[in-house]
N, C-alpha and C. Protein backbone atom coordinates (compact mmCIF):
# COMPACT_ATOMS: atom_id res chain seq x y z
N MET A 1 14.29 3.75 -38.89
CA MET A 1 14.58 5.17 -38.95
C MET A 1 15.02 5.52 -40.37
N ALA A 2 14.41 6.52 -40.95
CA ALA A 2 14.81 6.98 -42.29
C ALA A 2 16.16 7.67 -42.20
N THR A 3 16.95 7.52 -43.24
CA THR A 3 18.26 8.14 -43.27
C THR A 3 18.16 9.52 -43.90
N ASN A 4 18.69 10.50 -43.21
CA ASN A 4 18.71 11.87 -43.70
C ASN A 4 19.94 12.05 -44.57
N PRO A 5 19.78 12.42 -45.85
CA PRO A 5 20.95 12.55 -46.73
C PRO A 5 21.90 13.67 -46.32
N LYS A 6 21.45 14.59 -45.47
CA LYS A 6 22.30 15.69 -45.03
C LYS A 6 23.15 15.33 -43.81
N VAL A 7 22.98 14.13 -43.26
CA VAL A 7 23.72 13.75 -42.06
C VAL A 7 25.22 13.72 -42.36
N LYS A 8 25.96 14.43 -41.57
CA LYS A 8 27.41 14.50 -41.73
C LYS A 8 28.05 13.37 -40.92
N ALA A 9 28.75 12.49 -41.59
CA ALA A 9 29.35 11.34 -40.93
C ALA A 9 30.46 11.73 -39.97
N ASP A 10 31.06 12.90 -40.16
CA ASP A 10 32.20 13.29 -39.34
C ASP A 10 31.83 14.14 -38.12
N LEU A 11 30.55 14.27 -37.80
CA LEU A 11 30.16 15.03 -36.61
C LEU A 11 30.72 14.36 -35.37
N LYS A 12 31.25 15.16 -34.48
CA LYS A 12 31.76 14.67 -33.19
C LYS A 12 30.86 15.19 -32.09
N PHE A 13 30.62 14.36 -31.09
CA PHE A 13 29.77 14.73 -29.97
C PHE A 13 30.55 14.62 -28.67
N THR A 14 30.27 15.53 -27.76
CA THR A 14 30.84 15.50 -26.42
C THR A 14 29.69 15.32 -25.44
N GLN A 15 29.79 14.27 -24.62
CA GLN A 15 28.73 14.03 -23.65
C GLN A 15 28.93 14.96 -22.46
N ILE A 16 27.90 15.72 -22.14
CA ILE A 16 27.94 16.66 -21.03
C ILE A 16 27.44 16.00 -19.75
N ASP A 17 26.36 15.26 -19.86
CA ASP A 17 25.82 14.47 -18.76
C ASP A 17 25.09 13.28 -19.40
N PRO A 18 24.49 12.39 -18.61
CA PRO A 18 23.89 11.19 -19.21
C PRO A 18 22.84 11.43 -20.30
N ARG A 19 22.24 12.62 -20.35
CA ARG A 19 21.19 12.88 -21.33
C ARG A 19 21.46 14.10 -22.19
N THR A 20 22.70 14.61 -22.18
CA THR A 20 23.01 15.84 -22.92
C THR A 20 24.36 15.73 -23.62
N TRP A 21 24.40 16.18 -24.89
CA TRP A 21 25.61 16.17 -25.70
C TRP A 21 25.76 17.52 -26.38
N SER A 22 26.97 17.84 -26.80
CA SER A 22 27.19 19.05 -27.60
C SER A 22 27.92 18.65 -28.88
N THR A 23 27.76 19.47 -29.91
CA THR A 23 28.44 19.27 -31.17
C THR A 23 28.66 20.63 -31.83
N VAL A 24 29.58 20.67 -32.77
CA VAL A 24 29.86 21.91 -33.49
C VAL A 24 29.28 21.78 -34.89
N GLY A 25 28.47 22.77 -35.29
CA GLY A 25 27.85 22.76 -36.61
C GLY A 25 28.82 23.18 -37.70
N THR A 26 28.36 23.15 -38.93
CA THR A 26 29.21 23.46 -40.08
C THR A 26 29.70 24.89 -40.10
N GLN A 27 28.99 25.80 -39.43
CA GLN A 27 29.40 27.20 -39.38
C GLN A 27 30.19 27.51 -38.11
N GLY A 28 30.48 26.48 -37.31
CA GLY A 28 31.25 26.67 -36.09
C GLY A 28 30.41 26.95 -34.85
N ASN A 29 29.09 26.94 -34.99
CA ASN A 29 28.22 27.14 -33.84
C ASN A 29 28.16 25.88 -33.00
N VAL A 30 28.11 26.03 -31.69
CA VAL A 30 28.00 24.89 -30.79
C VAL A 30 26.52 24.66 -30.49
N TYR A 31 26.07 23.43 -30.67
CA TYR A 31 24.67 23.07 -30.42
C TYR A 31 24.60 22.03 -29.31
N THR A 32 23.51 22.07 -28.58
CA THR A 32 23.28 21.14 -27.48
C THR A 32 22.12 20.22 -27.85
N LEU A 33 22.34 18.94 -27.63
CA LEU A 33 21.31 17.94 -27.88
C LEU A 33 20.93 17.31 -26.54
N SER A 34 19.63 17.16 -26.34
CA SER A 34 19.13 16.59 -25.09
C SER A 34 18.19 15.43 -25.39
N LEU A 35 18.29 14.39 -24.58
CA LEU A 35 17.39 13.25 -24.68
C LEU A 35 16.25 13.49 -23.70
N LEU A 36 15.07 13.76 -24.25
CA LEU A 36 13.89 14.05 -23.44
C LEU A 36 12.75 13.13 -23.87
N SER A 37 12.22 12.40 -22.93
CA SER A 37 11.09 11.50 -23.22
C SER A 37 11.35 10.62 -24.42
N SER A 38 12.51 10.03 -24.49
CA SER A 38 12.94 9.08 -25.52
C SER A 38 13.07 9.69 -26.92
N SER A 39 13.20 11.02 -27.03
CA SER A 39 13.50 11.63 -28.32
C SER A 39 14.59 12.68 -28.14
N LEU A 40 15.37 12.88 -29.19
CA LEU A 40 16.46 13.84 -29.15
C LEU A 40 15.98 15.22 -29.58
N HIS A 41 16.39 16.23 -28.85
CA HIS A 41 16.06 17.62 -29.17
C HIS A 41 17.36 18.39 -29.31
N CYS A 42 17.46 19.19 -30.37
CA CYS A 42 18.66 19.98 -30.66
C CYS A 42 18.27 21.45 -30.69
N ASN A 43 19.20 22.31 -30.24
CA ASN A 43 18.90 23.74 -30.24
C ASN A 43 19.41 24.46 -31.50
N CYS A 44 19.72 23.70 -32.56
CA CYS A 44 20.07 24.33 -33.84
C CYS A 44 18.81 24.93 -34.46
N PRO A 45 18.94 25.77 -35.49
CA PRO A 45 17.74 26.37 -36.09
C PRO A 45 16.68 25.35 -36.53
N ALA A 46 17.09 24.25 -37.16
CA ALA A 46 16.11 23.24 -37.58
C ALA A 46 15.44 22.61 -36.36
N GLY A 47 16.25 22.27 -35.36
CA GLY A 47 15.70 21.65 -34.16
C GLY A 47 14.74 22.57 -33.41
N ARG A 48 15.07 23.86 -33.36
CA ARG A 48 14.19 24.82 -32.68
C ARG A 48 12.85 24.98 -33.40
N HIS A 49 12.84 24.73 -34.71
CA HIS A 49 11.60 24.82 -35.48
C HIS A 49 10.96 23.46 -35.71
N ARG A 50 11.40 22.48 -34.93
CA ARG A 50 10.86 21.11 -34.96
C ARG A 50 10.93 20.48 -36.34
N LYS A 51 12.00 20.81 -37.06
CA LYS A 51 12.25 20.19 -38.36
C LYS A 51 13.29 19.10 -38.18
N ASN A 52 13.54 18.35 -39.25
CA ASN A 52 14.51 17.28 -39.19
C ASN A 52 15.91 17.85 -39.01
N CYS A 53 16.56 17.53 -37.92
CA CYS A 53 17.87 18.05 -37.57
C CYS A 53 18.92 16.96 -37.80
N TYR A 54 19.93 17.25 -38.63
CA TYR A 54 20.91 16.21 -38.90
C TYR A 54 21.84 15.94 -37.73
N HIS A 55 21.94 16.87 -36.78
CA HIS A 55 22.74 16.59 -35.58
C HIS A 55 22.07 15.46 -34.78
N ALA A 56 20.76 15.58 -34.57
CA ALA A 56 20.02 14.55 -33.84
C ALA A 56 20.00 13.24 -34.62
N ASP A 57 19.86 13.32 -35.94
CA ASP A 57 19.88 12.10 -36.76
C ASP A 57 21.20 11.36 -36.61
N ARG A 58 22.31 12.10 -36.64
CA ARG A 58 23.63 11.46 -36.54
C ARG A 58 23.84 10.87 -35.16
N LEU A 59 23.45 11.57 -34.11
CA LEU A 59 23.60 11.02 -32.76
C LEU A 59 22.75 9.76 -32.61
N ALA A 60 21.55 9.76 -33.17
CA ALA A 60 20.70 8.56 -33.12
C ALA A 60 21.36 7.40 -33.87
N GLN A 61 21.99 7.69 -35.01
CA GLN A 61 22.72 6.64 -35.76
C GLN A 61 23.84 6.06 -34.90
N LEU A 62 24.55 6.92 -34.19
CA LEU A 62 25.65 6.45 -33.33
C LEU A 62 25.12 5.60 -32.19
N PHE A 63 23.99 5.99 -31.60
CA PHE A 63 23.36 5.18 -30.55
C PHE A 63 23.01 3.80 -31.09
N LYS A 64 22.41 3.78 -32.26
CA LYS A 64 21.99 2.51 -32.86
C LYS A 64 23.19 1.61 -33.14
N ALA A 65 24.26 2.18 -33.68
CA ALA A 65 25.47 1.39 -33.96
C ALA A 65 26.07 0.85 -32.67
N GLU A 66 26.11 1.68 -31.63
CA GLU A 66 26.67 1.23 -30.36
C GLU A 66 25.83 0.12 -29.74
N LEU A 67 24.51 0.24 -29.83
CA LEU A 67 23.62 -0.79 -29.32
C LEU A 67 23.80 -2.09 -30.10
N ASN A 68 23.90 -2.00 -31.43
CA ASN A 68 24.11 -3.20 -32.24
C ASN A 68 25.43 -3.88 -31.89
N ASP A 69 26.48 -3.09 -31.67
CA ASP A 69 27.79 -3.66 -31.27
C ASP A 69 27.68 -4.36 -29.92
N CYS A 70 26.96 -3.73 -29.01
CA CYS A 70 26.79 -4.31 -27.68
C CYS A 70 26.02 -5.63 -27.76
N LEU A 71 24.94 -5.65 -28.53
CA LEU A 71 24.13 -6.86 -28.67
C LEU A 71 24.89 -7.97 -29.39
N ALA A 72 25.75 -7.60 -30.32
CA ALA A 72 26.51 -8.59 -31.06
C ALA A 72 27.54 -9.30 -30.17
N SER A 73 27.91 -8.67 -29.07
CA SER A 73 28.92 -9.27 -28.20
C SER A 73 28.33 -10.33 -27.27
N PHE A 74 27.00 -10.50 -27.28
CA PHE A 74 26.39 -11.54 -26.43
C PHE A 74 26.47 -12.88 -27.06
């Protein structure tokens, strides 16, 4: 996965259900991210226009880190 230079390391996510999360954008807007067919979709302006969304990039980075931590414990 390519790293997006705009990804904010301090983004916080709240899990709503097993496939849905919310986060607050830089302007204070709340965005919803959904895992659909193995890809993340965000309702921020970039996500709605199918552009690279840093909210989805950051959540994917967190998933990857959590998976690596889990695998390292075996």
